[in-house]
N, C-alpha and C. Protein backbone atom coordinates (compact mmCIF):
# COMPACT_ATOMS: atom_id res chain seq x y z
N MET A 1 -20.31 20.01 1.66
CA MET A 1 -19.97 20.15 2.99
C MET A 1 -18.42 19.77 3.26
N SER A 2 -17.70 20.51 3.81
CA SER A 2 -16.21 20.28 4.08
C SER A 2 -15.99 19.42 5.24
N ASN A 3 -14.94 18.73 5.33
CA ASN A 3 -14.41 17.89 6.29
C ASN A 3 -13.17 18.13 7.09
N SER A 4 -13.06 18.44 8.33
CA SER A 4 -11.94 18.81 8.94
C SER A 4 -10.79 17.81 9.12
N TYR A 5 -11.19 16.41 9.03
CA TYR A 5 -10.35 15.31 9.29
C TYR A 5 -10.91 14.09 8.45
N ILE A 6 -10.13 13.05 8.45
CA ILE A 6 -10.51 11.78 7.76
C ILE A 6 -10.16 10.66 8.77
N TYR A 7 -10.56 9.49 8.71
CA TYR A 7 -10.22 8.23 9.20
C TYR A 7 -9.15 7.46 8.25
N LEU A 8 -8.11 7.13 8.90
CA LEU A 8 -7.17 6.27 8.08
C LEU A 8 -7.20 4.91 8.58
N ALA A 9 -7.66 4.08 7.61
CA ALA A 9 -7.84 2.61 8.03
C ALA A 9 -6.61 1.91 7.61
N SER A 10 -5.52 2.16 8.20
CA SER A 10 -4.21 1.59 7.96
C SER A 10 -3.24 1.75 9.12
N GLN A 11 -2.44 0.81 9.52
CA GLN A 11 -1.46 0.89 10.57
C GLN A 11 -0.21 1.25 10.11
N SER A 12 0.12 1.51 8.80
CA SER A 12 1.41 1.91 8.12
C SER A 12 1.91 3.25 8.77
N PRO A 13 3.04 3.18 9.48
CA PRO A 13 3.56 4.51 9.79
C PRO A 13 3.92 5.49 8.63
N ARG A 14 4.31 4.80 7.46
CA ARG A 14 4.66 5.53 6.32
C ARG A 14 3.24 6.38 5.71
N ARG A 15 2.23 5.67 5.82
CA ARG A 15 1.07 6.45 5.23
C ARG A 15 0.74 7.60 6.29
N GLN A 16 0.94 7.43 7.43
CA GLN A 16 0.72 8.45 8.54
C GLN A 16 1.58 9.52 8.17
N GLU A 17 2.95 9.32 8.08
CA GLU A 17 3.93 10.38 7.70
C GLU A 17 3.41 11.19 6.54
N LEU A 18 3.04 10.28 5.34
CA LEU A 18 2.53 11.18 4.17
C LEU A 18 1.42 11.98 4.20
N LEU A 19 0.47 11.49 5.09
CA LEU A 19 -0.71 12.37 5.34
C LEU A 19 -0.31 13.54 5.98
N LYS A 20 0.60 13.57 6.95
CA LYS A 20 0.96 14.68 7.75
C LYS A 20 1.83 15.52 6.90
N GLN A 21 2.47 15.12 5.83
CA GLN A 21 3.32 15.86 5.03
C GLN A 21 2.32 16.77 4.14
N ILE A 22 1.22 16.41 3.79
CA ILE A 22 0.24 17.27 2.98
C ILE A 22 -0.75 17.98 3.92
N GLY A 23 -0.61 17.95 5.23
CA GLY A 23 -1.31 18.69 6.01
C GLY A 23 -2.79 18.08 6.25
N VAL A 24 -2.93 17.00 6.32
CA VAL A 24 -4.25 16.14 6.63
C VAL A 24 -4.37 15.80 8.01
N ARG A 25 -5.44 16.22 8.73
CA ARG A 25 -5.71 15.61 10.02
C ARG A 25 -6.43 14.25 9.85
N PHE A 26 -6.00 13.31 10.72
CA PHE A 26 -6.64 12.12 10.52
C PHE A 26 -6.71 11.32 11.89
N GLU A 27 -7.74 10.50 12.12
CA GLU A 27 -7.81 9.71 13.26
C GLU A 27 -7.56 8.08 12.68
N MET A 28 -7.06 7.35 13.53
CA MET A 28 -6.89 5.99 13.24
C MET A 28 -8.17 5.16 13.43
N LEU A 29 -8.36 4.32 12.39
CA LEU A 29 -9.51 3.31 12.28
C LEU A 29 -8.88 2.04 11.74
N ALA A 30 -7.93 1.46 12.46
CA ALA A 30 -7.16 0.43 12.27
C ALA A 30 -7.96 -1.08 12.46
N PRO A 31 -7.75 -2.08 11.83
CA PRO A 31 -8.33 -3.29 12.13
C PRO A 31 -8.26 -3.67 13.71
N ASP A 32 -9.28 -4.31 14.08
CA ASP A 32 -9.35 -4.84 15.33
C ASP A 32 -8.46 -6.11 15.47
N PRO A 33 -7.82 -6.46 16.42
CA PRO A 33 -7.01 -7.83 16.53
C PRO A 33 -7.84 -8.84 16.11
N SER A 34 -9.31 -8.85 16.42
CA SER A 34 -10.04 -9.99 16.18
C SER A 34 -10.39 -10.07 14.78
N GLU A 35 -10.18 -9.15 13.94
CA GLU A 35 -10.43 -9.25 12.60
C GLU A 35 -9.56 -10.04 11.70
N ASP A 36 -10.11 -10.72 10.74
CA ASP A 36 -9.08 -11.63 9.93
C ASP A 36 -8.71 -10.74 8.65
N SER A 37 -8.02 -9.69 8.92
CA SER A 37 -7.71 -8.69 7.79
C SER A 37 -6.80 -9.26 6.74
N GLU A 38 -5.93 -10.27 7.23
CA GLU A 38 -4.91 -10.83 6.31
C GLU A 38 -5.66 -11.70 5.10
N SER A 39 -6.68 -12.12 5.48
CA SER A 39 -7.49 -13.08 4.43
C SER A 39 -7.82 -12.19 3.16
N ILE A 40 -8.03 -10.87 3.42
CA ILE A 40 -8.57 -10.01 2.27
C ILE A 40 -7.37 -9.95 1.27
N GLU A 41 -6.07 -10.13 1.73
CA GLU A 41 -4.93 -9.92 0.92
C GLU A 41 -4.37 -11.11 0.22
N ILE A 42 -5.35 -12.31 0.21
CA ILE A 42 -5.01 -13.50 -0.43
C ILE A 42 -5.21 -13.41 -1.81
N PRO A 43 -4.36 -13.33 -2.85
CA PRO A 43 -4.77 -13.18 -4.30
C PRO A 43 -5.59 -14.51 -4.61
N PHE A 44 -6.56 -14.05 -5.70
CA PHE A 44 -7.31 -15.08 -6.24
C PHE A 44 -6.45 -15.81 -7.41
N PRO A 45 -6.89 -17.03 -7.56
CA PRO A 45 -5.93 -17.69 -8.69
C PRO A 45 -5.95 -16.94 -10.04
N HIS A 46 -4.92 -16.66 -10.67
CA HIS A 46 -4.69 -16.15 -12.04
C HIS A 46 -5.14 -14.58 -11.85
N GLU A 47 -5.19 -14.04 -10.65
CA GLU A 47 -5.54 -12.64 -10.51
C GLU A 47 -4.33 -11.71 -10.94
N LYS A 48 -4.69 -10.69 -11.91
CA LYS A 48 -3.71 -9.80 -12.10
C LYS A 48 -3.53 -8.59 -11.15
N ALA A 49 -2.33 -8.08 -11.14
CA ALA A 49 -1.88 -7.14 -10.09
C ALA A 49 -2.81 -6.07 -9.78
N ARG A 50 -3.24 -5.25 -10.98
CA ARG A 50 -4.07 -4.16 -10.85
C ARG A 50 -5.46 -4.52 -10.23
N ALA A 51 -5.99 -5.59 -10.77
CA ALA A 51 -7.41 -6.06 -10.37
C ALA A 51 -7.29 -6.42 -8.94
N TYR A 52 -6.05 -7.01 -8.50
CA TYR A 52 -5.85 -7.56 -7.08
C TYR A 52 -5.80 -6.21 -6.00
N VAL A 53 -4.91 -5.23 -6.51
CA VAL A 53 -4.79 -4.12 -5.63
C VAL A 53 -6.07 -3.31 -5.39
N GLU A 54 -6.81 -3.15 -6.39
CA GLU A 54 -8.04 -2.43 -6.45
C GLU A 54 -8.98 -3.29 -5.56
N ARG A 55 -9.15 -4.50 -5.79
CA ARG A 55 -10.20 -5.39 -5.08
C ARG A 55 -9.83 -5.22 -3.54
N VAL A 56 -8.53 -5.50 -3.06
CA VAL A 56 -8.12 -5.50 -1.75
C VAL A 56 -8.34 -4.10 -1.09
N THR A 57 -8.13 -2.95 -1.82
CA THR A 57 -8.31 -1.64 -1.25
C THR A 57 -9.71 -1.42 -0.94
N ILE A 58 -10.63 -1.84 -1.84
CA ILE A 58 -11.94 -1.64 -1.64
C ILE A 58 -12.59 -2.41 -0.58
N ALA A 59 -12.09 -3.65 -0.68
CA ALA A 59 -12.52 -4.54 0.55
C ALA A 59 -12.18 -4.01 1.83
N LYS A 60 -10.89 -3.39 2.03
CA LYS A 60 -10.54 -2.88 3.19
C LYS A 60 -11.26 -1.55 3.80
N CYS A 61 -11.74 -0.63 2.59
CA CYS A 61 -12.62 0.36 2.90
C CYS A 61 -13.97 -0.13 3.31
N LYS A 62 -14.46 -1.11 2.76
CA LYS A 62 -15.70 -1.65 3.23
C LYS A 62 -15.78 -2.23 4.72
N ALA A 63 -14.63 -2.98 4.99
CA ALA A 63 -14.30 -3.44 6.30
C ALA A 63 -14.29 -2.17 7.28
N ALA A 64 -13.67 -1.26 6.93
CA ALA A 64 -13.40 -0.15 7.91
C ALA A 64 -14.73 0.66 7.94
N LEU A 65 -15.61 0.77 7.09
CA LEU A 65 -16.97 1.20 7.22
C LEU A 65 -17.66 0.45 8.39
N ALA A 66 -17.64 -0.90 8.05
CA ALA A 66 -18.45 -1.62 9.21
C ALA A 66 -17.74 -1.54 10.52
N ARG A 67 -16.63 -1.28 10.66
CA ARG A 67 -15.78 -1.14 11.91
C ARG A 67 -16.36 0.31 12.54
N TRP A 68 -16.44 1.39 11.58
CA TRP A 68 -16.80 2.73 12.03
C TRP A 68 -18.38 2.58 12.64
N GLN A 69 -19.23 1.74 11.86
CA GLN A 69 -20.56 1.55 12.23
C GLN A 69 -20.68 0.89 13.67
N LYS A 70 -19.94 0.01 14.01
CA LYS A 70 -19.96 -0.71 15.39
C LYS A 70 -19.40 0.18 16.42
N MET A 71 -18.47 1.16 16.05
CA MET A 71 -17.90 1.89 17.21
C MET A 71 -18.68 3.23 17.40
N GLY A 72 -19.66 3.65 16.56
CA GLY A 72 -20.46 4.65 16.92
C GLY A 72 -19.81 5.98 16.90
N LEU A 73 -18.88 6.14 16.06
CA LEU A 73 -17.93 7.29 15.85
C LEU A 73 -18.74 8.48 15.09
N PRO A 74 -18.33 9.73 15.34
CA PRO A 74 -18.93 10.82 14.34
C PRO A 74 -18.23 10.27 12.86
N TRP A 75 -18.95 10.85 11.84
CA TRP A 75 -18.52 10.55 10.50
C TRP A 75 -17.51 11.50 10.02
N ALA A 76 -16.62 10.76 9.29
CA ALA A 76 -15.50 11.49 8.44
C ALA A 76 -15.17 10.48 7.55
N PRO A 77 -14.66 11.03 6.24
CA PRO A 77 -14.34 10.27 5.17
C PRO A 77 -13.45 9.25 5.61
N ILE A 78 -13.29 7.87 5.03
CA ILE A 78 -12.43 6.77 5.43
C ILE A 78 -11.59 6.62 4.16
N LEU A 79 -10.24 6.65 4.49
CA LEU A 79 -9.13 6.43 3.54
C LEU A 79 -8.47 5.02 3.65
N CYS A 80 -8.33 4.36 2.76
CA CYS A 80 -7.70 3.08 2.64
C CYS A 80 -6.59 3.00 1.56
N ALA A 81 -5.57 2.17 1.71
CA ALA A 81 -4.68 1.98 0.62
C ALA A 81 -4.12 0.71 0.68
N ASP A 82 -3.37 0.10 -0.48
CA ASP A 82 -2.80 -1.06 -0.44
C ASP A 82 -1.70 -1.11 -1.56
N THR A 83 -0.70 -1.69 -1.31
CA THR A 83 0.55 -1.67 -2.38
C THR A 83 0.79 -3.18 -2.65
N THR A 84 1.16 -3.42 -3.95
CA THR A 84 1.62 -4.71 -4.37
C THR A 84 2.76 -4.40 -5.31
N VAL A 85 3.62 -5.42 -5.47
CA VAL A 85 4.85 -5.40 -6.41
C VAL A 85 4.63 -6.47 -7.51
N SER A 86 4.91 -6.27 -8.70
CA SER A 86 4.55 -7.21 -9.87
C SER A 86 5.69 -7.23 -10.93
N LEU A 87 6.08 -8.33 -11.17
CA LEU A 87 6.89 -8.59 -12.48
C LEU A 87 5.88 -9.10 -13.42
N PRO A 88 5.23 -8.04 -14.22
CA PRO A 88 4.03 -8.27 -15.00
C PRO A 88 4.33 -9.23 -16.22
N TYR A 89 5.43 -9.58 -16.42
CA TYR A 89 5.66 -10.54 -17.73
C TYR A 89 6.09 -12.07 -17.09
N SER A 90 6.03 -11.99 -15.82
CA SER A 90 6.32 -13.44 -15.21
C SER A 90 5.09 -13.94 -14.39
N GLN A 91 4.62 -14.98 -14.76
CA GLN A 91 3.56 -15.62 -14.28
C GLN A 91 3.70 -15.89 -12.68
N ASP A 92 4.77 -16.25 -12.37
CA ASP A 92 5.15 -16.51 -10.94
C ASP A 92 5.36 -15.22 -10.14
N GLY A 93 5.59 -14.07 -10.84
CA GLY A 93 5.82 -12.80 -10.07
C GLY A 93 4.76 -11.88 -10.39
N GLN A 94 3.56 -12.38 -10.89
CA GLN A 94 2.51 -11.32 -11.15
C GLN A 94 2.16 -10.58 -9.90
N ILE A 95 2.07 -11.14 -8.69
CA ILE A 95 1.90 -10.41 -7.43
C ILE A 95 2.83 -10.95 -6.43
N LEU A 96 3.61 -9.83 -6.06
CA LEU A 96 4.65 -10.16 -4.94
C LEU A 96 4.40 -9.46 -3.79
N GLY A 97 3.68 -10.19 -2.80
CA GLY A 97 3.37 -9.57 -1.54
C GLY A 97 4.36 -9.52 -0.55
N LYS A 98 3.89 -9.50 0.72
CA LYS A 98 4.85 -9.55 1.85
C LYS A 98 5.42 -10.81 2.14
N PRO A 99 6.68 -10.96 2.42
CA PRO A 99 7.23 -12.26 2.62
C PRO A 99 6.91 -12.79 3.77
N ARG A 100 6.54 -14.20 3.77
CA ARG A 100 6.10 -14.90 4.84
C ARG A 100 7.25 -15.20 5.81
N ASP A 101 8.47 -15.47 5.28
CA ASP A 101 9.67 -15.85 6.18
C ASP A 101 10.92 -15.60 5.30
N VAL A 102 11.99 -16.04 5.84
CA VAL A 102 13.31 -15.69 5.17
C VAL A 102 13.38 -16.36 3.88
N ALA A 103 13.00 -17.60 3.74
CA ALA A 103 12.94 -18.24 2.37
C ALA A 103 12.10 -17.53 1.36
N ASP A 104 11.01 -17.01 1.87
CA ASP A 104 10.09 -16.22 0.76
C ASP A 104 10.73 -14.92 0.54
N ALA A 105 11.34 -14.22 1.56
CA ALA A 105 11.91 -12.91 1.24
C ALA A 105 13.10 -13.12 0.20
N THR A 106 13.90 -14.37 0.36
CA THR A 106 15.05 -14.55 -0.56
C THR A 106 14.41 -14.81 -1.82
N ARG A 107 13.36 -15.56 -2.07
CA ARG A 107 12.90 -15.84 -3.34
C ARG A 107 12.29 -14.60 -4.04
N ILE A 108 11.74 -13.76 -3.36
CA ILE A 108 11.34 -12.46 -3.95
C ILE A 108 12.30 -11.62 -4.35
N LEU A 109 13.37 -11.40 -3.41
CA LEU A 109 14.29 -10.57 -3.80
C LEU A 109 15.22 -11.09 -4.90
N SER A 110 15.27 -12.45 -4.96
CA SER A 110 16.03 -13.00 -6.08
C SER A 110 15.35 -12.84 -7.47
N MET A 111 13.94 -12.77 -7.48
CA MET A 111 13.24 -12.66 -8.67
C MET A 111 13.40 -11.24 -9.13
N LEU A 112 13.36 -10.25 -8.21
CA LEU A 112 13.51 -8.70 -8.46
C LEU A 112 14.91 -8.45 -9.01
N SER A 113 15.89 -9.04 -8.58
CA SER A 113 17.37 -8.78 -8.72
C SER A 113 17.75 -8.76 -10.20
N GLY A 114 18.20 -7.34 -10.65
CA GLY A 114 18.46 -7.00 -11.94
C GLY A 114 17.43 -6.77 -12.86
N LYS A 115 16.12 -6.74 -12.33
CA LYS A 115 15.06 -6.39 -13.21
C LYS A 115 14.32 -5.22 -12.91
N THR A 116 13.42 -4.72 -13.85
CA THR A 116 12.61 -3.62 -13.66
C THR A 116 11.09 -4.20 -13.27
N HIS A 117 10.63 -3.76 -12.11
CA HIS A 117 9.24 -4.16 -11.81
C HIS A 117 8.32 -3.00 -11.53
N GLU A 118 7.06 -3.48 -11.34
CA GLU A 118 5.99 -2.42 -11.12
C GLU A 118 5.65 -2.47 -9.75
N VAL A 119 5.43 -1.23 -9.03
CA VAL A 119 4.76 -1.07 -7.74
C VAL A 119 3.38 -0.46 -8.07
N LEU A 120 2.42 -1.17 -7.64
CA LEU A 120 1.02 -0.54 -7.91
C LEU A 120 0.44 -0.30 -6.43
N THR A 121 0.06 0.92 -6.30
CA THR A 121 -0.68 1.32 -4.98
C THR A 121 -1.92 1.89 -5.40
N ALA A 122 -3.06 1.33 -4.72
CA ALA A 122 -4.33 1.77 -4.82
C ALA A 122 -4.80 2.57 -3.75
N VAL A 123 -5.38 3.62 -3.87
CA VAL A 123 -5.94 4.42 -2.76
C VAL A 123 -7.47 4.76 -2.91
N ALA A 124 -8.15 4.47 -1.78
CA ALA A 124 -9.57 4.66 -1.84
C ALA A 124 -10.26 5.36 -0.77
N LEU A 125 -11.24 6.11 -1.11
CA LEU A 125 -11.96 7.05 -0.10
C LEU A 125 -13.36 6.74 -0.17
N THR A 126 -14.02 6.51 1.03
CA THR A 126 -15.50 6.51 1.18
C THR A 126 -15.83 7.93 1.73
N ILE A 127 -16.59 8.70 0.89
CA ILE A 127 -16.81 10.00 1.18
C ILE A 127 -17.94 10.18 2.20
N LYS A 128 -19.00 9.22 1.90
CA LYS A 128 -20.22 9.32 2.84
C LYS A 128 -20.67 7.82 3.09
N PRO A 129 -21.11 7.65 4.28
CA PRO A 129 -21.41 6.12 4.60
C PRO A 129 -22.31 5.48 3.63
N SER A 130 -23.11 6.11 2.93
CA SER A 130 -23.93 5.48 1.86
C SER A 130 -23.37 5.33 0.63
N ASP A 131 -21.98 5.88 0.39
CA ASP A 131 -21.29 5.85 -0.85
C ASP A 131 -20.54 4.48 -0.95
N GLU A 132 -20.28 4.06 -2.37
CA GLU A 132 -19.18 3.24 -2.60
C GLU A 132 -17.92 3.95 -2.58
N PRO A 133 -16.83 3.19 -2.20
CA PRO A 133 -15.58 3.79 -2.16
C PRO A 133 -15.11 4.23 -3.63
N ILE A 134 -14.43 5.37 -3.56
CA ILE A 134 -13.79 5.84 -4.99
C ILE A 134 -12.31 5.42 -4.85
N CYS A 135 -11.94 4.73 -5.97
CA CYS A 135 -10.52 4.03 -5.92
C CYS A 135 -9.80 4.61 -7.05
N LEU A 136 -8.41 4.91 -6.92
CA LEU A 136 -7.53 5.33 -7.81
C LEU A 136 -6.25 4.49 -7.76
N VAL A 137 -5.71 4.16 -8.90
CA VAL A 137 -4.43 3.26 -8.74
C VAL A 137 -3.20 3.98 -9.44
N GLN A 138 -2.12 3.97 -8.80
CA GLN A 138 -0.96 4.65 -9.30
C GLN A 138 0.17 3.44 -9.47
N VAL A 139 0.68 3.54 -10.67
CA VAL A 139 1.58 2.42 -11.17
C VAL A 139 3.10 3.13 -11.34
N SER A 140 4.16 2.70 -10.59
CA SER A 140 5.41 3.07 -10.90
C SER A 140 6.27 1.80 -11.52
N GLU A 141 7.39 2.35 -12.19
CA GLU A 141 8.40 1.24 -12.58
C GLU A 141 9.64 1.44 -11.77
N VAL A 142 10.11 0.38 -11.21
CA VAL A 142 11.32 0.61 -10.47
C VAL A 142 12.42 -0.34 -10.90
N GLU A 143 13.62 0.22 -11.07
CA GLU A 143 14.70 -0.66 -11.52
C GLU A 143 15.44 -1.10 -10.26
N PHE A 144 15.72 -2.50 -10.19
CA PHE A 144 16.33 -3.10 -9.12
C PHE A 144 17.65 -3.58 -9.49
N ALA A 145 18.76 -3.25 -8.55
CA ALA A 145 20.04 -3.55 -8.81
C ALA A 145 20.21 -5.15 -8.93
N SER A 146 21.25 -5.69 -9.58
CA SER A 146 21.61 -6.98 -9.57
C SER A 146 22.28 -7.34 -8.20
N LEU A 147 21.84 -8.34 -7.43
CA LEU A 147 22.24 -8.66 -6.14
C LEU A 147 22.92 -9.88 -6.04
N SER A 148 23.99 -10.11 -5.31
CA SER A 148 24.55 -11.51 -5.08
C SER A 148 23.60 -12.09 -3.93
N SER A 149 23.91 -13.33 -3.71
CA SER A 149 23.09 -13.99 -2.56
C SER A 149 23.58 -13.50 -1.28
N GLU A 150 24.90 -12.92 -1.17
CA GLU A 150 25.34 -12.39 0.06
C GLU A 150 24.59 -11.10 0.36
N GLN A 151 24.40 -10.30 -0.72
CA GLN A 151 23.78 -9.07 -0.50
C GLN A 151 22.33 -9.21 -0.08
N ILE A 152 21.67 -10.12 -0.82
CA ILE A 152 20.37 -10.68 -0.30
C ILE A 152 20.12 -10.84 1.09
N ALA A 153 21.00 -11.88 1.45
CA ALA A 153 21.11 -12.26 2.85
C ALA A 153 21.34 -11.25 3.88
N ALA A 154 22.31 -10.38 3.48
CA ALA A 154 22.48 -9.11 4.39
C ALA A 154 21.29 -8.34 4.52
N TYR A 155 20.63 -8.10 3.49
CA TYR A 155 19.37 -7.19 3.49
C TYR A 155 18.35 -7.87 4.43
N ILE A 156 18.04 -9.15 4.11
CA ILE A 156 17.15 -9.79 4.85
C ILE A 156 17.52 -9.83 6.35
N ALA A 157 18.70 -9.93 6.67
CA ALA A 157 19.17 -9.80 8.09
C ALA A 157 18.90 -8.41 8.88
N SER A 158 18.65 -7.44 7.99
CA SER A 158 18.28 -6.07 8.50
C SER A 158 16.73 -5.99 9.07
N LYS A 159 15.94 -7.06 8.64
CA LYS A 159 14.70 -7.20 8.92
C LYS A 159 13.63 -6.30 8.17
N GLU A 160 14.19 -5.44 7.41
CA GLU A 160 13.52 -4.48 6.68
C GLU A 160 12.49 -5.01 5.68
N PRO A 161 12.86 -6.22 5.13
CA PRO A 161 12.01 -6.66 3.96
C PRO A 161 10.79 -7.17 4.50
N PHE A 162 10.43 -7.50 5.85
CA PHE A 162 9.21 -8.16 6.37
C PHE A 162 8.27 -7.00 6.58
N GLY A 163 6.97 -7.42 6.28
CA GLY A 163 5.77 -6.54 6.44
C GLY A 163 5.71 -5.57 5.17
N LYS A 164 6.51 -5.80 4.20
CA LYS A 164 6.48 -4.93 3.01
C LYS A 164 6.29 -5.63 1.69
N ALA A 165 5.40 -5.23 0.92
CA ALA A 165 5.20 -5.79 -0.50
C ALA A 165 6.55 -5.81 -1.29
N GLY A 166 6.74 -6.97 -1.84
CA GLY A 166 7.97 -6.96 -2.67
C GLY A 166 9.31 -7.24 -2.04
N ALA A 167 9.11 -7.31 -0.51
CA ALA A 167 10.32 -7.59 0.41
C ALA A 167 11.35 -6.41 0.45
N TYR A 168 10.90 -5.09 0.13
CA TYR A 168 11.93 -4.04 0.34
C TYR A 168 11.11 -2.78 0.65
N GLY A 169 11.90 -1.86 1.25
CA GLY A 169 11.28 -0.56 1.55
C GLY A 169 12.10 0.52 0.94
N ILE A 170 11.52 1.37 0.01
CA ILE A 170 12.34 2.35 -0.74
C ILE A 170 12.79 3.50 0.28
N GLN A 171 12.09 3.53 1.37
CA GLN A 171 12.33 4.86 2.28
C GLN A 171 13.47 4.32 3.26
N GLY A 172 13.94 3.15 3.25
CA GLY A 172 14.92 2.62 4.17
C GLY A 172 16.23 2.17 3.33
N LEU A 173 16.77 1.16 4.00
CA LEU A 173 18.06 0.56 3.37
C LEU A 173 17.51 0.10 1.85
N GLY A 174 16.41 -0.19 1.59
CA GLY A 174 16.02 -0.79 0.31
C GLY A 174 16.32 0.40 -0.68
N GLY A 175 16.29 1.62 -0.45
CA GLY A 175 16.65 2.71 -1.26
C GLY A 175 18.04 2.57 -2.09
N SER A 176 19.00 1.93 -1.34
CA SER A 176 20.28 1.91 -1.89
C SER A 176 20.47 0.74 -2.79
N LEU A 177 19.32 0.02 -3.12
CA LEU A 177 19.33 -1.22 -3.93
C LEU A 177 18.47 -0.59 -5.45
N ILE A 178 18.24 0.47 -5.42
CA ILE A 178 17.29 1.03 -6.59
C ILE A 178 18.00 2.11 -7.43
N PRO A 179 18.55 1.65 -8.57
CA PRO A 179 19.24 2.81 -9.34
C PRO A 179 18.37 3.88 -9.83
N SER A 180 17.06 3.57 -10.21
CA SER A 180 16.11 4.58 -10.81
C SER A 180 14.60 4.14 -10.71
N ILE A 181 13.89 5.10 -10.54
CA ILE A 181 12.39 4.83 -10.51
C ILE A 181 11.78 5.87 -11.72
N ARG A 182 10.56 5.31 -12.11
CA ARG A 182 9.76 6.27 -13.12
C ARG A 182 8.30 6.15 -12.55
N GLY A 183 8.00 7.15 -11.97
CA GLY A 183 6.59 7.21 -11.39
C GLY A 183 6.64 8.00 -10.13
N SER A 184 5.86 7.56 -9.06
CA SER A 184 5.66 8.27 -7.88
C SER A 184 6.44 7.77 -6.65
N TYR A 185 7.27 8.44 -6.00
CA TYR A 185 8.15 7.97 -4.93
C TYR A 185 7.15 7.73 -3.66
N SER A 186 6.11 8.58 -3.45
CA SER A 186 5.16 8.40 -2.41
C SER A 186 4.22 7.20 -2.76
N GLY A 187 4.12 6.92 -4.05
CA GLY A 187 3.24 5.83 -4.34
C GLY A 187 4.00 4.47 -4.04
N ILE A 188 5.26 4.49 -4.15
CA ILE A 188 6.16 3.34 -3.96
C ILE A 188 6.17 3.10 -2.51
N MET A 189 6.09 4.21 -1.70
CA MET A 189 6.09 4.15 -0.31
C MET A 189 4.95 3.66 0.33
N GLY A 190 3.87 3.89 -0.32
CA GLY A 190 2.49 3.14 0.08
C GLY A 190 1.30 4.06 -0.03
N LEU A 191 1.41 5.39 -0.34
CA LEU A 191 0.40 6.39 -0.40
C LEU A 191 0.69 7.40 -1.45
N PRO A 192 0.23 7.16 -2.72
CA PRO A 192 0.63 8.15 -3.85
C PRO A 192 -0.27 9.66 -3.66
N LEU A 193 0.73 10.59 -3.35
CA LEU A 193 0.04 11.83 -2.84
C LEU A 193 -0.73 12.48 -3.82
N PHE A 194 -0.52 12.56 -5.11
CA PHE A 194 -1.15 13.19 -6.05
C PHE A 194 -2.61 12.69 -6.08
N GLU A 195 -2.68 11.11 -6.31
CA GLU A 195 -4.05 10.50 -6.30
C GLU A 195 -4.82 10.73 -4.99
N THR A 196 -4.10 10.69 -3.89
CA THR A 196 -4.74 11.00 -2.61
C THR A 196 -5.20 12.28 -2.65
N SER A 197 -4.52 13.30 -2.96
CA SER A 197 -5.05 14.61 -2.92
C SER A 197 -6.33 14.87 -3.76
N GLN A 198 -6.30 14.26 -4.93
CA GLN A 198 -7.45 14.23 -5.80
C GLN A 198 -8.77 13.84 -5.17
N LEU A 199 -8.51 12.74 -4.30
CA LEU A 199 -9.74 12.25 -3.61
C LEU A 199 -10.07 13.12 -2.33
N LEU A 200 -9.22 13.59 -1.74
CA LEU A 200 -9.35 14.47 -0.60
C LEU A 200 -10.07 15.64 -1.10
N ASP A 201 -9.67 16.11 -2.24
CA ASP A 201 -10.36 17.47 -2.73
C ASP A 201 -11.97 17.22 -3.20
N ARG A 202 -12.21 15.83 -3.73
CA ARG A 202 -13.54 15.56 -3.92
C ARG A 202 -14.40 15.55 -2.65
N ALA A 203 -13.69 15.14 -1.59
CA ALA A 203 -14.48 15.11 -0.24
C ALA A 203 -14.23 16.40 0.52
N GLN A 204 -13.74 17.46 -0.22
CA GLN A 204 -13.57 18.84 0.39
C GLN A 204 -12.93 18.74 1.95
N VAL A 205 -11.88 17.91 2.12
CA VAL A 205 -11.02 17.74 3.28
C VAL A 205 -10.08 18.99 3.48
N ILE A 206 -10.35 19.63 4.52
CA ILE A 206 -9.46 20.92 4.87
C ILE A 206 -8.02 20.42 5.04
N ARG A 207 -7.11 21.04 4.57
CA ARG A 207 -5.74 20.82 4.99
C ARG A 207 -5.23 21.83 6.01
N ILE A 208 -4.33 21.40 6.87
CA ILE A 208 -3.85 22.31 7.91
C ILE A 208 -2.94 23.32 7.33
């Protein structure tokens, strides 16, 4: 049975733009303000980046399904995604999430400066209410320029690092800090379109 639209359980404008880019109709199924959605994103002790991003994305899908059940909406597949940044050979930088404040953003950007890091984005789709979410993970390698403390401070002053894993956005000013990537540009933005399309095809989602 085909589906004419999906639910997107994310408030990310970038993910909305990317779904529109590939002609997918969607309705928002974002977390309610009363939900403690941020607690899902707290890493477990010694958790590796891939295990973390898969766990968080599947947990978000299950929370979205519970939200759908409470709202009494018509059924459509539910899509969730999560992105994390990792310096895989650094224990302190195994998972670099969203910066808490200026000091944390400075710490993260200083760790990334002059190094190649990984961006891992998991995308999951619940095709039917009785199904477990199907999850795929895309991993890209990103080379980061060597930054002076002044450059880091100027970038943080732009406010762009906040709300973004790894304290930067490749689609914004952060793109000028990245000499090269190996992988998926859309995955680094937050929704890998190849993997997402694979899941949508399994759910027989109609494209516009």
